[in-house]
Amino acid sequence: MNTQDPVRPWDGFQAANRFRRAIRKFNSTPIAEGEIHALLTEAAYAPSSGNMQPYEFHWVRDPALKTSLAIACNGQKAAASAAEFIVIVASPALGLRTAKAQLAHVEDSSALGMDSKAYYRKQVGMFQKILGIGSSVLWSPLVALAALFQPTLSLLPIGNLGGRQWAARNAIFAAQTIMLGAAAKGIDSCPMEGFSARKVARLLGLQRGCVIPLVIALGYRADDARIEDRWRKPISDMVVLH
C-alpha cells in the first residue's frame, strides 16, 4: 500500500464501525439486489472454527414471507419496516456438509502439497468425528457434569446442545461481518433476537437440529429513527491486563 495514500483500511473500518447502529425504524427505500449479494459474499470470508462454516444465510425476499417473518419477530418496528431480512441459521449438520466439501477440495487441489493435504485431512477428520458421533445427545449429561467442576468445558462442541452452541457462536462472526459490511455501504441494520424460533423455523422449512442465533433486518434509517448518543463502558473496565 502506498504510504502516501491518506486513506487507510483502519479509517474505513472505524468509520463503518461507528456508523453501525441498531436502527429500529427504516424508511421505504429499497436496497439494490447487488448490494445484498455483495454483503453475503463478504460474510462467506468470516472466520469459523476449522473453516467448518456451520451456517447458512436465508435471504427472505418473498413479500408474503417477509410479512409473516415480521410477525414472527414479535412485530418489532425494525422487522415491520425492514427492506430486507437475512436469517442466520446454524447447525452441526451444516458443518459436516462443509467438511465433506472441504475434504473434496483438498483431495482435488493441485496447489496444495502433500504436507498441507495431510494437515487438512487430519483437521477435517477430527471435526467430522466431533460433529458426527460427538454431537450425540448421549454426551450431553457427561459434559454437563464435567462443567460443574470446570465451567470452561461447557463451551465444548460435544453433545447435542454443545454442538448447536458451537455452530451458533461461529455463525455470529458471519452475522457481524454482514452488519459491518452493510454499514460500510451506508446500509443500516438491526440484529434481532426477539423472535419465535419455532415460527421462523417453520416458515423457512428448516431441518430439525438447526438453531437461529439471529435475524438481521436491513434498510435505510428513517428520518425520525431514534438515534441517541451511544454509551459504552470505559475501555479501562473492559480490558484486563496480565
Protein backbone atom coordinates (compact mmCIF):
# COMPACT_ATOMS: atom_id res chain seq x y z
CA MET A 1 0.00 0.00 0.00
CA ASN A 2 1.26 3.46 -0.85
CA THR A 3 2.34 5.14 2.39
CA GLN A 4 1.41 8.50 0.88
CA ASP A 5 -2.22 7.42 0.49
CA PRO A 6 -4.21 9.23 3.21
CA VAL A 7 -6.96 6.57 3.15
CA ARG A 8 -6.10 3.58 5.31
CA PRO A 9 -8.10 0.37 5.87
CA TRP A 10 -8.32 1.34 9.54
CA ASP A 11 -10.03 4.62 8.69
CA GLY A 12 -12.68 2.82 6.64
CA PHE A 13 -13.23 0.19 9.30
CA GLN A 14 -13.53 2.73 12.09
CA ALA A 15 -16.00 4.81 10.07
CA ALA A 16 -18.16 1.74 9.36
CA ASN A 17 -17.94 0.55 12.96
CA ARG A 18 -19.03 3.94 14.32
CA PHE A 19 -21.78 4.31 11.68
CA ARG A 20 -23.28 0.92 12.55
CA ARG A 21 -26.22 1.30 14.91
CA ALA A 22 -29.15 -0.91 15.82
CA ILE A 23 -31.73 1.01 13.78
CA ARG A 24 -35.29 0.16 14.72
CA LYS A 25 -37.16 2.16 12.09
CA PHE A 26 -36.34 2.15 8.39
CA ASN A 27 -37.66 4.27 5.55
CA SER A 28 -39.25 2.80 2.40
CA THR A 29 -36.12 2.98 0.22
CA PRO A 30 -35.36 -0.46 -1.29
CA ILE A 31 -31.87 -1.97 -1.21
CA ALA A 32 -30.37 -2.94 -4.56
CA GLU A 33 -30.14 -6.70 -5.02
CA GLY A 34 -26.45 -6.43 -5.87
CA GLU A 35 -25.75 -4.80 -2.51
CA ILE A 36 -27.16 -7.78 -0.62
CA HIS A 37 -25.25 -10.22 -2.82
CA ALA A 38 -22.06 -8.30 -2.06
CA LEU A 39 -22.69 -8.42 1.71
CA LEU A 40 -23.36 -12.16 1.70
CA THR A 41 -20.28 -12.77 -0.42
CA GLU A 42 -18.10 -10.99 2.13
CA ALA A 43 -19.80 -12.82 5.01
CA ALA A 44 -18.50 -16.05 3.50
CA TYR A 45 -15.00 -14.81 4.39
CA ALA A 46 -15.81 -14.57 8.11
CA PRO A 47 -13.66 -16.78 10.35
CA SER A 48 -15.01 -20.08 11.60
CA SER A 49 -13.61 -22.92 13.67
CA GLY A 50 -11.69 -25.25 11.38
CA ASN A 51 -13.22 -23.37 8.44
CA MET A 52 -16.31 -25.52 9.00
CA GLN A 53 -18.71 -22.62 8.26
CA PRO A 54 -21.63 -24.36 10.03
CA TYR A 55 -24.25 -21.86 8.88
CA GLU A 56 -26.50 -20.64 6.09
CA PHE A 57 -27.82 -17.19 5.23
CA HIS A 58 -31.54 -17.28 4.45
CA TRP A 59 -32.31 -14.20 2.38
CA VAL A 60 -36.07 -13.72 2.67
CA ARG A 61 -37.35 -11.97 -0.44
CA ASP A 62 -40.92 -13.15 -0.97
CA PRO A 63 -43.26 -10.31 0.15
CA ALA A 64 -45.76 -12.61 1.86
CA LEU A 65 -43.00 -14.50 3.64
CA LYS A 66 -41.42 -11.21 4.76
CA THR A 67 -44.73 -10.16 6.29
CA SER A 68 -45.04 -13.48 8.12
CA LEU A 69 -41.44 -13.23 9.30
CA ALA A 70 -42.03 -9.73 10.67
CA ILE A 71 -44.96 -11.11 12.67
CA ALA A 72 -42.78 -13.98 13.94
CA CYS A 73 -40.31 -11.29 15.10
CA ASN A 74 -42.99 -10.12 17.54
CA GLY A 75 -43.96 -7.16 15.38
CA GLN A 76 -40.78 -5.21 16.16
CA LYS A 77 -40.57 -1.87 14.34
CA ALA A 78 -37.31 -2.93 12.75
CA ALA A 79 -38.95 -6.06 11.39
CA ALA A 80 -42.10 -4.29 10.25
CA SER A 81 -40.18 -1.62 8.30
CA ALA A 82 -37.16 -3.63 7.07
CA ALA A 83 -36.36 -3.63 3.37
CA GLU A 84 -34.60 -7.00 3.60
CA PHE A 85 -34.19 -9.89 6.04
CA ILE A 86 -31.22 -12.18 6.49
CA VAL A 87 -31.91 -15.09 8.83
CA ILE A 88 -28.76 -16.69 10.23
CA VAL A 89 -29.18 -20.46 10.55
CA ALA A 90 -26.62 -22.79 12.09
CA SER A 91 -26.21 -26.48 12.95
CA PRO A 92 -23.53 -29.18 13.34
CA ALA A 93 -25.04 -30.89 10.27
CA LEU A 94 -24.17 -27.84 8.17
CA GLY A 95 -20.62 -28.08 9.50
CA LEU A 96 -20.48 -31.75 8.45
CA ARG A 97 -21.66 -30.78 4.98
CA THR A 98 -18.85 -28.20 4.78
CA ALA A 99 -16.33 -30.78 6.00
CA LYS A 100 -17.25 -33.11 3.15
CA ALA A 101 -16.94 -30.32 0.56
CA GLN A 102 -13.67 -29.08 2.05
CA LEU A 103 -12.15 -32.56 2.01
CA ALA A 104 -13.12 -32.99 -1.66
CA HIS A 105 -11.46 -29.64 -2.42
CA VAL A 106 -8.28 -30.72 -0.64
CA GLU A 107 -8.08 -34.02 -2.50
CA ASP A 108 -8.68 -32.39 -5.90
CA SER A 109 -6.32 -29.45 -5.33
CA SER A 110 -3.14 -29.30 -7.40
CA ALA A 111 -1.92 -26.25 -5.45
CA LEU A 112 -1.65 -27.99 -2.09
CA GLY A 113 1.44 -30.01 -1.26
CA MET A 114 1.43 -33.42 0.42
CA ASP A 115 2.12 -31.95 3.87
CA SER A 116 -0.75 -29.46 3.52
CA LYS A 117 -3.12 -32.18 2.35
CA ALA A 118 -2.15 -34.38 5.29
CA TYR A 119 -2.79 -31.48 7.66
CA TYR A 120 -6.25 -30.76 6.26
CA ARG A 121 -7.21 -34.44 6.16
CA LYS A 122 -6.38 -34.70 9.86
CA GLN A 123 -8.17 -31.48 10.80
CA VAL A 124 -11.29 -32.16 8.77
CA GLY A 125 -11.37 -35.75 10.02
CA MET A 126 -11.28 -34.50 13.62
CA PHE A 127 -14.23 -32.19 13.01
CA GLN A 128 -16.17 -34.96 11.26
CA LYS A 129 -15.87 -37.05 14.41
CA ILE A 130 -16.76 -34.17 16.75
CA LEU A 131 -19.75 -33.04 14.68
CA GLY A 132 -20.84 -36.60 13.96
CA ILE A 133 -20.51 -39.01 16.87
CA GLY A 134 -19.63 -36.13 19.21
CA SER A 135 -22.99 -34.44 18.64
CA SER A 136 -24.94 -37.33 20.09
CA VAL A 137 -27.32 -36.48 22.92
CA LEU A 138 -25.65 -39.25 24.94
CA TRP A 139 -22.64 -36.99 25.57
CA SER A 140 -24.67 -34.09 26.96
CA PRO A 141 -25.03 -35.39 30.58
CA LEU A 142 -21.28 -36.05 30.77
CA VAL A 143 -20.44 -32.57 29.52
CA ALA A 144 -22.93 -31.00 31.94
CA LEU A 145 -21.42 -32.94 34.84
CA ALA A 146 -17.85 -32.02 33.86
CA ALA A 147 -18.86 -28.35 33.52
CA LEU A 148 -19.97 -28.29 37.17
CA PHE A 149 -16.33 -28.72 38.16
CA GLN A 150 -14.75 -26.91 35.20
CA PRO A 151 -17.14 -24.27 33.75
CA THR A 152 -14.98 -23.69 30.67
CA LEU A 153 -15.90 -27.20 29.50
CA SER A 154 -19.49 -26.04 28.99
CA LEU A 155 -18.39 -24.48 25.68
CA LEU A 156 -17.10 -27.73 24.19
CA PRO A 157 -18.82 -28.65 20.90
CA ILE A 158 -19.79 -32.01 22.40
CA GLY A 159 -23.33 -33.31 22.82
CA ASN A 160 -26.42 -32.08 21.01
CA LEU A 161 -26.56 -28.78 22.89
CA GLY A 162 -22.82 -28.18 22.79
CA GLY A 163 -22.71 -28.76 19.04
CA ARG A 164 -25.53 -26.31 18.41
CA GLN A 165 -23.98 -23.67 20.66
CA TRP A 166 -20.69 -24.09 18.81
CA ALA A 167 -22.42 -23.65 15.45
CA ALA A 168 -24.27 -20.55 16.70
CA ARG A 169 -21.06 -18.93 18.01
CA ASN A 170 -19.40 -19.41 14.63
CA ALA A 171 -22.43 -18.00 12.83
CA ILE A 172 -22.26 -14.80 14.86
CA PHE A 173 -18.88 -13.99 13.27
CA ALA A 174 -20.57 -14.04 9.86
CA ALA A 175 -23.53 -12.02 11.15
CA GLN A 176 -21.19 -9.30 12.42
CA THR A 177 -19.46 -9.24 9.05
CA ILE A 178 -22.81 -8.66 7.34
CA MET A 179 -23.68 -5.76 9.64
CA LEU A 180 -20.27 -4.09 9.40
CA GLY A 181 -20.28 -4.57 5.64
CA ALA A 182 -23.72 -3.01 5.47
CA ALA A 183 -22.50 -0.03 7.50
CA ALA A 184 -19.57 0.41 5.11
CA LYS A 185 -22.13 0.71 2.30
CA GLY A 186 -24.31 3.15 4.25
CA ILE A 187 -26.95 0.48 4.84
CA ASP A 188 -28.45 0.19 8.32
CA SER A 189 -29.18 -2.96 10.26
CA CYS A 190 -30.80 -4.25 13.39
CA PRO A 191 -29.76 -7.58 14.92
CA MET A 192 -32.92 -9.13 16.33
CA GLU A 193 -33.04 -11.85 18.98
CA GLY A 194 -36.67 -11.27 19.98
CA PHE A 195 -38.45 -13.71 17.69
CA SER A 196 -40.26 -17.03 17.83
CA ALA A 197 -37.62 -19.51 16.71
CA ARG A 198 -40.30 -22.17 16.24
CA LYS A 199 -42.34 -19.96 13.92
CA VAL A 200 -39.31 -18.76 11.94
CA ALA A 201 -38.04 -22.33 11.53
CA ARG A 202 -41.45 -23.42 10.26
CA LEU A 203 -41.67 -20.50 7.82
CA LEU A 204 -38.26 -21.32 6.36
CA GLY A 205 -38.76 -25.09 6.41
CA LEU A 206 -35.62 -25.66 8.48
CA GLN A 207 -34.46 -29.16 9.31
CA ARG A 208 -34.56 -30.47 12.84
CA GLY A 209 -31.39 -29.62 14.76
CA CYS A 210 -30.95 -26.13 13.31
CA VAL A 211 -30.71 -23.06 15.53
CA ILE A 212 -31.35 -19.43 14.63
CA PRO A 213 -28.93 -17.21 16.55
CA LEU A 214 -30.02 -14.00 14.83
CA VAL A 215 -32.39 -12.37 12.37
CA ILE A 216 -30.89 -9.30 10.71
CA ALA A 217 -33.18 -6.52 9.48
CA LEU A 218 -31.65 -4.31 6.78
CA GLY A 219 -32.74 -0.95 5.39
CA TYR A 220 -32.04 2.76 5.41
CA ARG A 221 -32.77 4.68 8.61
CA ALA A 222 -35.97 6.71 8.72
CA ASP A 223 -35.69 10.46 9.32
CA ASP A 224 -37.37 10.01 12.69
CA ALA A 225 -35.46 6.87 13.72
CA ARG A 226 -34.32 7.08 17.33
CA ILE A 227 -30.56 7.65 17.28
CA GLU A 228 -29.06 8.84 20.54
CA ASP A 229 -25.53 9.30 21.82
CA ARG A 230 -24.06 5.86 22.22
CA TRP A 231 -22.92 4.86 25.71
CA ARG A 232 -20.23 2.25 26.23
CA LYS A 233 -18.34 1.12 29.31
CA PRO A 234 -14.96 2.81 29.68
CA ILE A 235 -12.28 0.80 27.93
CA SER A 236 -10.50 0.58 31.29
CA ASP A 237 -13.43 -1.51 32.55
CA MET A 238 -13.24 -3.86 29.57
CA VAL A 239 -9.54 -4.57 29.21
CA VAL A 240 -7.82 -6.77 31.78
CA LEU A 241 -4.05 -6.58 31.74
CA HIS A 242 -1.95 -9.59 32.72
